[in-house]
Amino acid sequence: MADHPADELVRQFQDRIVAGTWNGLRGLDETRFDGVMACQAASCAQAYVQLFQIPDTLDLDGFLERMVLGGSSKIEIRREGNTIRWEEIHGGECMCPLVKRGVVPLEPGLCRCAVHWVRDLFARHVKGPVHVRLLDSVALGAQNCTFEVVVDDPSPRSTPESDPEA
């Protein structure tokens, strides 16, 4: 709830600007659009880990355990070696805050952002690289968003304090 009546007007103004930008982005070729979605996902992932206090010091197993226990939605995780099936239980509702607020429409192009978002979350905890493939999504008509994540090297990511070359 807004603290001041003008706060809601400012929020509506900002949402209209974002909606207009989204409409322009929809006209980009696939490569450029994917680049923009990668940038959007990076910003969203940074805000997400701050909001839910997910430390980057967790190893892959610690990160997966943490994600099952808390976040914006329930996540079912099945791991077989370096391959992880990541299913976000959404009950047919997109979790993108821009979609939830009605700023942008729910459409499959947004799933590019989700793929990068999942990749960015994993990349904080492993040496990588991390490969993510969308298997299904709410935007495609499913009840949940499901991804296949493959981590080439699940070893913990080096931190500046533990990396002698840093």
C-alpha atoms as a PDB file:
ATOM      1  CA  MET A   1       0.000   0.000   0.000  1.00  0.00           C
ATOM      2  CA  ALA A   2       1.297   3.452  -0.886  1.00  0.00           C
ATOM      3  CA  ASP A   3       2.322   5.789   1.934  1.00  0.00           C
ATOM      4  CA  HIS A   4       1.094   8.829   0.042  1.00  0.00           C
ATOM      5  CA  PRO A   5      -1.581   9.105  -2.710  1.00  0.00           C
ATOM      6  CA  ALA A   6       1.067  10.421  -5.113  1.00  0.00           C
ATOM      7  CA  ASP A   7       3.135   7.233  -4.592  1.00  0.00           C
ATOM      8  CA  GLU A   8       0.519   5.159  -6.432  1.00  0.00           C
ATOM      9  CA  LEU A   9       0.447   7.665  -9.302  1.00  0.00           C
ATOM     10  CA  VAL A  10       4.236   7.523  -9.566  1.00  0.00           C
ATOM     11  CA  ARG A  11       4.093   3.705  -9.557  1.00  0.00           C
ATOM     12  CA  GLN A  12       1.488   3.734 -12.341  1.00  0.00           C
ATOM     13  CA  PHE A  13       3.656   6.162 -14.311  1.00  0.00           C
ATOM     14  CA  GLN A  14       6.695   3.883 -13.916  1.00  0.00           C
ATOM     15  CA  ASP A  15       4.658   0.820 -14.917  1.00  0.00           C
ATOM     16  CA  ARG A  16       3.486   2.554 -18.103  1.00  0.00           C
ATOM     17  CA  ILE A  17       7.090   3.352 -19.022  1.00  0.00           C
ATOM     18  CA  VAL A  18       8.117  -0.287 -18.470  1.00  0.00           C
ATOM     19  CA  ALA A  19       5.111  -1.500 -20.488  1.00  0.00           C
ATOM     20  CA  GLY A  20       6.079   0.780 -23.364  1.00  0.00           C
ATOM     21  CA  THR A  21       9.661  -0.450 -23.232  1.00  0.00           C
ATOM     22  CA  TRP A  22       8.419  -4.052 -23.258  1.00  0.00           C
ATOM     23  CA  ASN A  23       6.341  -3.354 -26.353  1.00  0.00           C
ATOM     24  CA  GLY A  24       9.451  -2.031 -28.093  1.00  0.00           C
ATOM     25  CA  LEU A  25      11.542  -5.023 -27.023  1.00  0.00           C
ATOM     26  CA  ARG A  26       9.069  -7.420 -28.589  1.00  0.00           C
ATOM     27  CA  GLY A  27      10.176  -6.109 -31.990  1.00  0.00           C
ATOM     28  CA  LEU A  28      13.837  -7.042 -31.531  1.00  0.00           C
ATOM     29  CA  ASP A  29      15.384  -9.990 -33.364  1.00  0.00           C
ATOM     30  CA  GLU A  30      15.826 -13.136 -31.275  1.00  0.00           C
ATOM     31  CA  THR A  31      19.514 -12.587 -30.447  1.00  0.00           C
ATOM     32  CA  ARG A  32      19.047  -9.018 -29.240  1.00  0.00           C
ATOM     33  CA  PHE A  33      15.867  -9.892 -27.362  1.00  0.00           C
ATOM     34  CA  ASP A  34      17.691 -12.739 -25.606  1.00  0.00           C
ATOM     35  CA  GLY A  35      20.460 -10.317 -24.610  1.00  0.00           C
ATOM     36  CA  VAL A  36      17.937  -7.956 -23.061  1.00  0.00           C
ATOM     37  CA  MET A  37      16.265 -10.850 -21.220  1.00  0.00           C
ATOM     38  CA  ALA A  38      19.697 -11.891 -19.866  1.00  0.00           C
ATOM     39  CA  CYS A  39      20.198  -8.376 -18.465  1.00  0.00           C
ATOM     40  CA  GLN A  40      16.693  -8.332 -16.984  1.00  0.00           C
ATOM     41  CA  ALA A  41      17.249 -11.759 -15.411  1.00  0.00           C
ATOM     42  CA  ALA A  42      20.552 -10.678 -13.876  1.00  0.00           C
ATOM     43  CA  SER A  43      18.860  -7.708 -12.193  1.00  0.00           C
ATOM     44  CA  CYS A  44      15.961  -9.855 -11.040  1.00  0.00           C
ATOM     45  CA  ALA A  45      18.258 -12.597  -9.690  1.00  0.00           C
ATOM     46  CA  GLN A  46      20.311 -10.052  -7.731  1.00  0.00           C
ATOM     47  CA  ALA A  47      17.155  -8.596  -6.174  1.00  0.00           C
ATOM     48  CA  TYR A  48      15.802 -12.102  -5.470  1.00  0.00           C
ATOM     49  CA  VAL A  49      18.876 -13.342  -3.602  1.00  0.00           C
ATOM     50  CA  GLN A  50      18.920 -10.152  -1.532  1.00  0.00           C
ATOM     51  CA  LEU A  51      15.206 -10.362  -0.753  1.00  0.00           C
ATOM     52  CA  PHE A  52      15.382 -14.036   0.274  1.00  0.00           C
ATOM     53  CA  GLN A  53      18.884 -13.737   1.797  1.00  0.00           C
ATOM     54  CA  ILE A  54      20.523 -16.534  -0.209  1.00  0.00           C
ATOM     55  CA  PRO A  55      24.271 -16.334   0.455  1.00  0.00           C
ATOM     56  CA  ASP A  56      26.631 -16.955  -2.460  1.00  0.00           C
ATOM     57  CA  THR A  57      28.850 -18.979  -0.117  1.00  0.00           C
ATOM     58  CA  LEU A  58      26.561 -22.038  -0.378  1.00  0.00           C
ATOM     59  CA  ASP A  59      27.784 -24.991  -2.434  1.00  0.00           C
ATOM     60  CA  LEU A  60      25.412 -26.575  -4.966  1.00  0.00           C
ATOM     61  CA  ASP A  61      23.805 -28.943  -2.447  1.00  0.00           C
ATOM     62  CA  GLY A  62      23.356 -26.142   0.089  1.00  0.00           C
ATOM     63  CA  PHE A  63      21.825 -23.905  -2.560  1.00  0.00           C
ATOM     64  CA  LEU A  64      19.386 -26.614  -3.696  1.00  0.00           C
ATOM     65  CA  GLU A  65      18.357 -27.318  -0.105  1.00  0.00           C
ATOM     66  CA  ARG A  66      17.847 -23.603   0.525  1.00  0.00           C
ATOM     67  CA  MET A  67      15.669 -23.224  -2.576  1.00  0.00           C
ATOM     68  CA  VAL A  68      13.396 -26.087  -1.534  1.00  0.00           C
ATOM     69  CA  LEU A  69      12.920 -24.468   1.877  1.00  0.00           C
ATOM     70  CA  GLY A  70      12.106 -20.923   0.860  1.00  0.00           C
ATOM     71  CA  GLY A  71      11.545 -18.436  -1.901  1.00  0.00           C
ATOM     72  CA  SER A  72       8.715 -16.906  -3.854  1.00  0.00           C
ATOM     73  CA  SER A  73       7.189 -20.285  -4.721  1.00  0.00           C
ATOM     74  CA  LYS A  74       7.660 -23.958  -3.920  1.00  0.00           C
ATOM     75  CA  ILE A  75      10.358 -25.618  -6.009  1.00  0.00           C
ATOM     76  CA  GLU A  76      10.616 -29.352  -6.537  1.00  0.00           C
ATOM     77  CA  ILE A  77      14.168 -30.428  -7.306  1.00  0.00           C
ATOM     78  CA  ARG A  78      15.399 -33.781  -8.556  1.00  0.00           C
ATOM     79  CA  ARG A  79      19.124 -34.221  -9.029  1.00  0.00           C
ATOM     80  CA  GLU A  80      20.891 -36.995 -10.913  1.00  0.00           C
ATOM     81  CA  GLY A  81      24.599 -36.215 -10.966  1.00  0.00           C
ATOM     82  CA  ASN A  82      25.149 -32.917 -12.747  1.00  0.00           C
ATOM     83  CA  THR A  83      21.598 -32.766 -14.146  1.00  0.00           C
ATOM     84  CA  ILE A  84      18.855 -31.130 -12.123  1.00  0.00           C
ATOM     85  CA  ARG A  85      15.139 -31.029 -12.878  1.00  0.00           C
ATOM     86  CA  TRP A  86      13.875 -27.736 -11.405  1.00  0.00           C
ATOM     87  CA  GLU A  87      10.081 -27.414 -11.227  1.00  0.00           C
ATOM     88  CA  GLU A  88       8.555 -24.240  -9.863  1.00  0.00           C
ATOM     89  CA  ILE A  89       5.073 -24.971  -8.546  1.00  0.00           C
ATOM     90  CA  HIS A  90       2.967 -22.023  -9.706  1.00  0.00           C
ATOM     91  CA  GLY A  91      -0.558 -23.402 -10.035  1.00  0.00           C
ATOM     92  CA  GLY A  92      -0.963 -21.782 -13.440  1.00  0.00           C
ATOM     93  CA  GLU A  93       0.185 -18.293 -12.380  1.00  0.00           C
ATOM     94  CA  CYS A  94       3.348 -16.609 -13.664  1.00  0.00           C
ATOM     95  CA  MET A  95       5.605 -15.422 -10.845  1.00  0.00           C
ATOM     96  CA  CYS A  96       7.205 -12.570 -12.799  1.00  0.00           C
ATOM     97  CA  PRO A  97       6.428  -9.443 -10.763  1.00  0.00           C
ATOM     98  CA  LEU A  98       5.798  -7.472 -13.957  1.00  0.00           C
ATOM     99  CA  VAL A  99       3.177  -9.983 -15.086  1.00  0.00           C
ATOM    100  CA  LYS A 100       1.623 -10.264 -11.614  1.00  0.00           C
ATOM    101  CA  ARG A 101       1.141  -6.476 -11.522  1.00  0.00           C
ATOM    102  CA  GLY A 102      -0.244  -6.418 -15.076  1.00  0.00           C
ATOM    103  CA  VAL A 103       2.629  -4.305 -16.435  1.00  0.00           C
ATOM    104  CA  VAL A 104       3.531  -6.765 -19.208  1.00  0.00           C
ATOM    105  CA  PRO A 105       1.422  -9.534 -20.742  1.00  0.00           C
ATOM    106  CA  LEU A 106       2.121 -13.191 -20.071  1.00  0.00           C
ATOM    107  CA  GLU A 107       3.721 -14.545 -23.223  1.00  0.00           C
ATOM    108  CA  PRO A 108       6.356 -17.170 -24.075  1.00  0.00           C
ATOM    109  CA  GLY A 109       9.061 -14.552 -24.753  1.00  0.00           C
ATOM    110  CA  LEU A 110       9.260 -13.902 -21.017  1.00  0.00           C
ATOM    111  CA  CYS A 111      10.449 -17.465 -20.550  1.00  0.00           C
ATOM    112  CA  ARG A 112      13.841 -16.371 -21.936  1.00  0.00           C
ATOM    113  CA  CYS A 113      14.188 -14.227 -18.830  1.00  0.00           C
ATOM    114  CA  ALA A 114      13.286 -17.213 -16.634  1.00  0.00           C
ATOM    115  CA  VAL A 115      15.918 -19.421 -18.300  1.00  0.00           C
ATOM    116  CA  HIS A 116      18.616 -16.810 -17.651  1.00  0.00           C
ATOM    117  CA  TRP A 117      17.312 -16.248 -14.106  1.00  0.00           C
ATOM    118  CA  VAL A 118      17.668 -19.937 -13.220  1.00  0.00           C
ATOM    119  CA  ARG A 119      21.127 -20.023 -14.838  1.00  0.00           C
ATOM    120  CA  ASP A 120      22.223 -16.946 -12.879  1.00  0.00           C
ATOM    121  CA  LEU A 121      21.023 -18.414  -9.579  1.00  0.00           C
ATOM    122  CA  PHE A 122      22.989 -21.621 -10.149  1.00  0.00           C
ATOM    123  CA  ALA A 123      26.089 -19.832 -11.452  1.00  0.00           C
ATOM    124  CA  ARG A 124      26.517 -18.107  -8.066  1.00  0.00           C
ATOM    125  CA  HIS A 125      27.238 -21.492  -6.458  1.00  0.00           C
ATOM    126  CA  VAL A 126      29.291 -23.549  -8.939  1.00  0.00           C
ATOM    127  CA  LYS A 127      32.397 -23.185 -11.077  1.00  0.00           C
ATOM    128  CA  GLY A 128      30.113 -23.792 -14.042  1.00  0.00           C
ATOM    129  CA  PRO A 129      29.268 -23.346 -16.767  1.00  0.00           C
ATOM    130  CA  VAL A 130      25.538 -23.832 -16.258  1.00  0.00           C
ATOM    131  CA  HIS A 131      23.170 -24.813 -19.089  1.00  0.00           C
ATOM    132  CA  VAL A 132      19.416 -24.351 -18.690  1.00  0.00           C
ATOM    133  CA  ARG A 133      16.655 -25.610 -20.953  1.00  0.00           C
ATOM    134  CA  LEU A 134      12.985 -24.732 -20.536  1.00  0.00           C
ATOM    135  CA  LEU A 135      10.830 -27.874 -20.515  1.00  0.00           C
ATOM    136  CA  ASP A 136       7.445 -26.266 -19.843  1.00  0.00           C
ATOM    137  CA  SER A 137       5.959 -23.061 -18.488  1.00  0.00           C
ATOM    138  CA  VAL A 138       2.819 -21.248 -17.487  1.00  0.00           C
ATOM    139  CA  ALA A 139       3.229 -19.052 -20.577  1.00  0.00           C
ATOM    140  CA  LEU A 140       3.068 -22.220 -22.687  1.00  0.00           C
ATOM    141  CA  GLY A 141      -0.115 -23.382 -20.940  1.00  0.00           C
ATOM    142  CA  ALA A 142       1.315 -25.557 -18.139  1.00  0.00           C
ATOM    143  CA  GLN A 143       0.516 -25.254 -14.442  1.00  0.00           C
ATOM    144  CA  ASN A 144       4.196 -24.976 -13.502  1.00  0.00           C
ATOM    145  CA  CYS A 145       7.525 -23.864 -14.938  1.00  0.00           C
ATOM    146  CA  THR A 146       9.986 -26.705 -15.403  1.00  0.00           C
ATOM    147  CA  PHE A 147      13.647 -26.502 -16.367  1.00  0.00           C
ATOM    148  CA  GLU A 148      16.483 -28.915 -16.976  1.00  0.00           C
ATOM    149  CA  VAL A 149      19.727 -27.589 -15.514  1.00  0.00           C
ATOM    150  CA  VAL A 150      23.088 -29.127 -16.370  1.00  0.00           C
ATOM    151  CA  VAL A 151      26.122 -28.031 -14.366  1.00  0.00           C
ATOM    152  CA  ASP A 152      29.413 -28.894 -16.065  1.00  0.00           C
ATOM    153  CA  ASP A 153      31.462 -28.492 -12.879  1.00  0.00           C
ATOM    154  CA  PRO A 154      29.429 -28.568  -9.637  1.00  0.00           C
ATOM    155  CA  SER A 155      32.486 -27.695  -7.518  1.00  0.00           C
ATOM    156  CA  PRO A 156      31.920 -24.648  -5.317  1.00  0.00           C
ATOM    157  CA  ARG A 157      32.644 -21.361  -7.040  1.00  0.00           C
ATOM    158  CA  SER A 158      35.863 -19.734  -5.880  1.00  0.00           C
ATOM    159  CA  THR A 159      35.492 -16.600  -3.829  1.00  0.00           C
ATOM    160  CA  PRO A 160      38.073 -13.804  -3.880  1.00  0.00           C
ATOM    161  CA  GLU A 161      39.120 -14.791  -0.347  1.00  0.00           C
ATOM    162  CA  SER A 162      39.737 -18.442  -1.264  1.00  0.00           C
ATOM    163  CA  ASP A 163      41.168 -17.938  -4.774  1.00  0.00           C
ATOM    164  CA  PRO A 164      44.947 -17.267  -4.632  1.00  0.00           C
ATOM    165  CA  GLU A 165      44.878 -15.837  -8.176  1.00  0.00           C
ATOM    166  CA  ALA A 166      42.258 -13.221  -7.337  1.00  0.00           C
END
